[in-house]
Amino acid sequence: MSEKSCKGDHTGHLCVLASKELFDQIKELTRDPQYICFNCGRVADCEHNLCNPMPLN
């Protein structure tokens, strides 16, 4: 099992955006998800928006 950790700058990650209720911004970052976060299960277009990303395909 993958260790729960955060890779890179946490500022633009979906978990931070959700905690700030920036849902319109989250919608823009999740239109064509290519990655899933091992920590929270959220999906995003770009790995830079997740703490512990893994490619979906």
N, C-alpha and C. Protein backbone atom coordinates (compact mmCIF):
# COMPACT_ATOMS: atom_id res chain seq x y z
N MET A 1 0.84 -1.18 0.00
CA MET A 1 0.00 0.00 0.00
C MET A 1 0.89 1.24 0.00
N SER A 2 0.48 2.26 -0.71
CA SER A 2 1.25 3.49 -0.81
C SER A 2 1.17 4.30 0.49
N GLU A 3 2.29 4.91 0.82
CA GLU A 3 2.34 5.75 2.01
C GLU A 3 1.61 7.06 1.74
N LYS A 4 0.83 7.53 2.70
CA LYS A 4 0.14 8.81 2.53
C LYS A 4 1.14 9.93 2.73
N SER A 5 1.38 10.65 1.67
CA SER A 5 2.32 11.76 1.72
C SER A 5 1.91 12.79 0.68
N CYS A 6 2.52 13.93 0.75
CA CYS A 6 2.24 14.99 -0.21
C CYS A 6 3.51 15.30 -0.97
N LYS A 7 3.42 15.22 -2.30
CA LYS A 7 4.56 15.50 -3.16
C LYS A 7 4.42 16.91 -3.71
N GLY A 8 5.41 17.74 -3.50
CA GLY A 8 5.42 19.08 -4.07
C GLY A 8 4.67 20.10 -3.23
N ASP A 9 4.42 21.24 -3.82
CA ASP A 9 3.73 22.35 -3.16
C ASP A 9 2.25 21.99 -2.98
N HIS A 10 1.79 21.98 -1.77
CA HIS A 10 0.42 21.57 -1.44
C HIS A 10 -0.63 22.61 -1.82
N THR A 11 -0.22 23.82 -2.13
CA THR A 11 -1.13 24.95 -2.35
C THR A 11 -2.21 24.69 -3.39
N GLY A 12 -1.90 24.14 -4.54
CA GLY A 12 -2.88 23.96 -5.61
C GLY A 12 -3.56 22.61 -5.62
N HIS A 13 -3.38 21.84 -4.57
CA HIS A 13 -3.97 20.50 -4.54
C HIS A 13 -5.47 20.56 -4.30
N LEU A 14 -6.19 19.59 -4.87
CA LEU A 14 -7.65 19.57 -4.78
C LEU A 14 -8.14 19.54 -3.34
N CYS A 15 -7.42 18.87 -2.45
CA CYS A 15 -7.84 18.81 -1.05
C CYS A 15 -7.84 20.21 -0.42
N VAL A 16 -6.86 21.03 -0.77
CA VAL A 16 -6.80 22.40 -0.25
C VAL A 16 -7.91 23.23 -0.87
N LEU A 17 -8.11 23.09 -2.17
CA LEU A 17 -9.18 23.84 -2.85
C LEU A 17 -10.55 23.48 -2.29
N ALA A 18 -10.78 22.20 -2.00
CA ALA A 18 -12.06 21.77 -1.42
C ALA A 18 -12.24 22.35 -0.02
N SER A 19 -11.18 22.40 0.76
CA SER A 19 -11.30 22.95 2.11
C SER A 19 -11.62 24.44 2.08
N LYS A 20 -11.26 25.10 0.98
CA LYS A 20 -11.57 26.53 0.81
C LYS A 20 -12.87 26.73 0.02
N GLU A 21 -13.56 25.62 -0.29
CA GLU A 21 -14.82 25.64 -1.03
C GLU A 21 -14.70 26.31 -2.40
N LEU A 22 -13.59 26.08 -3.08
CA LEU A 22 -13.35 26.63 -4.41
C LEU A 22 -13.78 25.62 -5.48
N PHE A 23 -15.06 25.28 -5.47
CA PHE A 23 -15.59 24.20 -6.30
C PHE A 23 -15.58 24.52 -7.80
N ASP A 24 -15.74 25.77 -8.18
CA ASP A 24 -15.66 26.13 -9.60
C ASP A 24 -14.25 25.87 -10.13
N GLN A 25 -13.24 26.17 -9.33
CA GLN A 25 -11.86 25.91 -9.73
C GLN A 25 -11.60 24.40 -9.81
N ILE A 26 -12.16 23.64 -8.89
CA ILE A 26 -12.01 22.19 -8.90
C ILE A 26 -12.64 21.61 -10.17
N LYS A 27 -13.80 22.10 -10.58
CA LYS A 27 -14.45 21.62 -11.81
C LYS A 27 -13.54 21.80 -13.02
N GLU A 28 -12.84 22.92 -13.07
CA GLU A 28 -11.93 23.20 -14.19
C GLU A 28 -10.74 22.23 -14.20
N LEU A 29 -10.30 21.81 -13.04
CA LEU A 29 -9.12 20.95 -12.92
C LEU A 29 -9.43 19.46 -13.02
N THR A 30 -10.72 19.13 -13.18
CA THR A 30 -11.11 17.72 -13.20
C THR A 30 -11.97 17.36 -14.41
N ARG A 31 -11.88 18.12 -15.46
CA ARG A 31 -12.71 17.88 -16.66
C ARG A 31 -12.32 16.60 -17.38
N ASP A 32 -11.03 16.29 -17.45
CA ASP A 32 -10.54 15.10 -18.16
C ASP A 32 -9.51 14.40 -17.26
N PRO A 33 -9.98 13.75 -16.21
CA PRO A 33 -9.06 13.19 -15.22
C PRO A 33 -8.11 12.14 -15.79
N GLN A 34 -6.84 12.31 -15.47
CA GLN A 34 -5.79 11.39 -15.89
C GLN A 34 -5.07 10.76 -14.69
N TYR A 35 -5.30 11.30 -13.49
CA TYR A 35 -4.60 10.86 -12.28
C TYR A 35 -5.57 10.70 -11.11
N ILE A 36 -5.24 9.81 -10.20
CA ILE A 36 -6.01 9.61 -8.97
C ILE A 36 -5.05 9.75 -7.80
N CYS A 37 -5.53 10.31 -6.71
CA CYS A 37 -4.72 10.49 -5.51
C CYS A 37 -4.84 9.26 -4.62
N PHE A 38 -3.70 8.69 -4.25
CA PHE A 38 -3.68 7.54 -3.33
C PHE A 38 -4.15 7.94 -1.93
N ASN A 39 -4.03 9.21 -1.58
CA ASN A 39 -4.41 9.65 -0.24
C ASN A 39 -5.92 9.80 -0.08
N CYS A 40 -6.56 10.51 -1.01
CA CYS A 40 -7.97 10.88 -0.81
C CYS A 40 -8.91 10.30 -1.86
N GLY A 41 -8.37 9.78 -2.96
CA GLY A 41 -9.21 9.21 -4.00
C GLY A 41 -9.75 10.22 -5.00
N ARG A 42 -9.40 11.48 -4.85
CA ARG A 42 -9.85 12.48 -5.83
C ARG A 42 -9.12 12.24 -7.15
N VAL A 43 -9.75 12.68 -8.25
CA VAL A 43 -9.13 12.58 -9.56
C VAL A 43 -8.89 13.99 -10.11
N ALA A 44 -7.88 14.12 -10.98
CA ALA A 44 -7.55 15.42 -11.58
C ALA A 44 -6.92 15.21 -12.94
N ASP A 45 -6.96 16.27 -13.74
CA ASP A 45 -6.35 16.26 -15.06
C ASP A 45 -4.83 16.18 -14.97
N CYS A 46 -4.27 16.83 -13.98
CA CYS A 46 -2.83 16.98 -13.85
C CYS A 46 -2.34 16.45 -12.50
N GLU A 47 -1.23 15.76 -12.49
CA GLU A 47 -0.69 15.20 -11.25
C GLU A 47 -0.30 16.27 -10.24
N HIS A 48 -0.07 17.47 -10.71
CA HIS A 48 0.35 18.57 -9.83
C HIS A 48 -0.76 19.04 -8.89
N ASN A 49 -1.98 18.61 -9.13
CA ASN A 49 -3.11 19.00 -8.29
C ASN A 49 -3.50 17.95 -7.26
N LEU A 50 -2.64 16.93 -7.09
CA LEU A 50 -2.90 15.86 -6.14
C LEU A 50 -1.68 15.64 -5.24
N CYS A 51 -1.92 15.17 -4.02
CA CYS A 51 -0.84 14.95 -3.07
C CYS A 51 0.01 13.72 -3.41
N ASN A 52 -0.65 12.65 -3.78
CA ASN A 52 0.04 11.38 -4.00
C ASN A 52 -0.54 10.74 -5.28
N PRO A 53 -0.22 11.32 -6.47
CA PRO A 53 -0.87 10.91 -7.72
C PRO A 53 -0.37 9.59 -8.29
N MET A 54 -1.29 8.92 -9.00
CA MET A 54 -0.99 7.73 -9.77
C MET A 54 -1.79 7.82 -11.08
N PRO A 55 -1.18 7.50 -12.21
CA PRO A 55 -1.92 7.56 -13.49
C PRO A 55 -3.12 6.62 -13.48
N LEU A 56 -4.22 7.06 -14.08
CA LEU A 56 -5.42 6.24 -14.18
C LEU A 56 -5.28 5.17 -15.27
N ASN A 57 -4.52 5.47 -16.30
CA ASN A 57 -4.41 4.51 -17.40
C ASN A 57 -3.09 3.83 -17.43
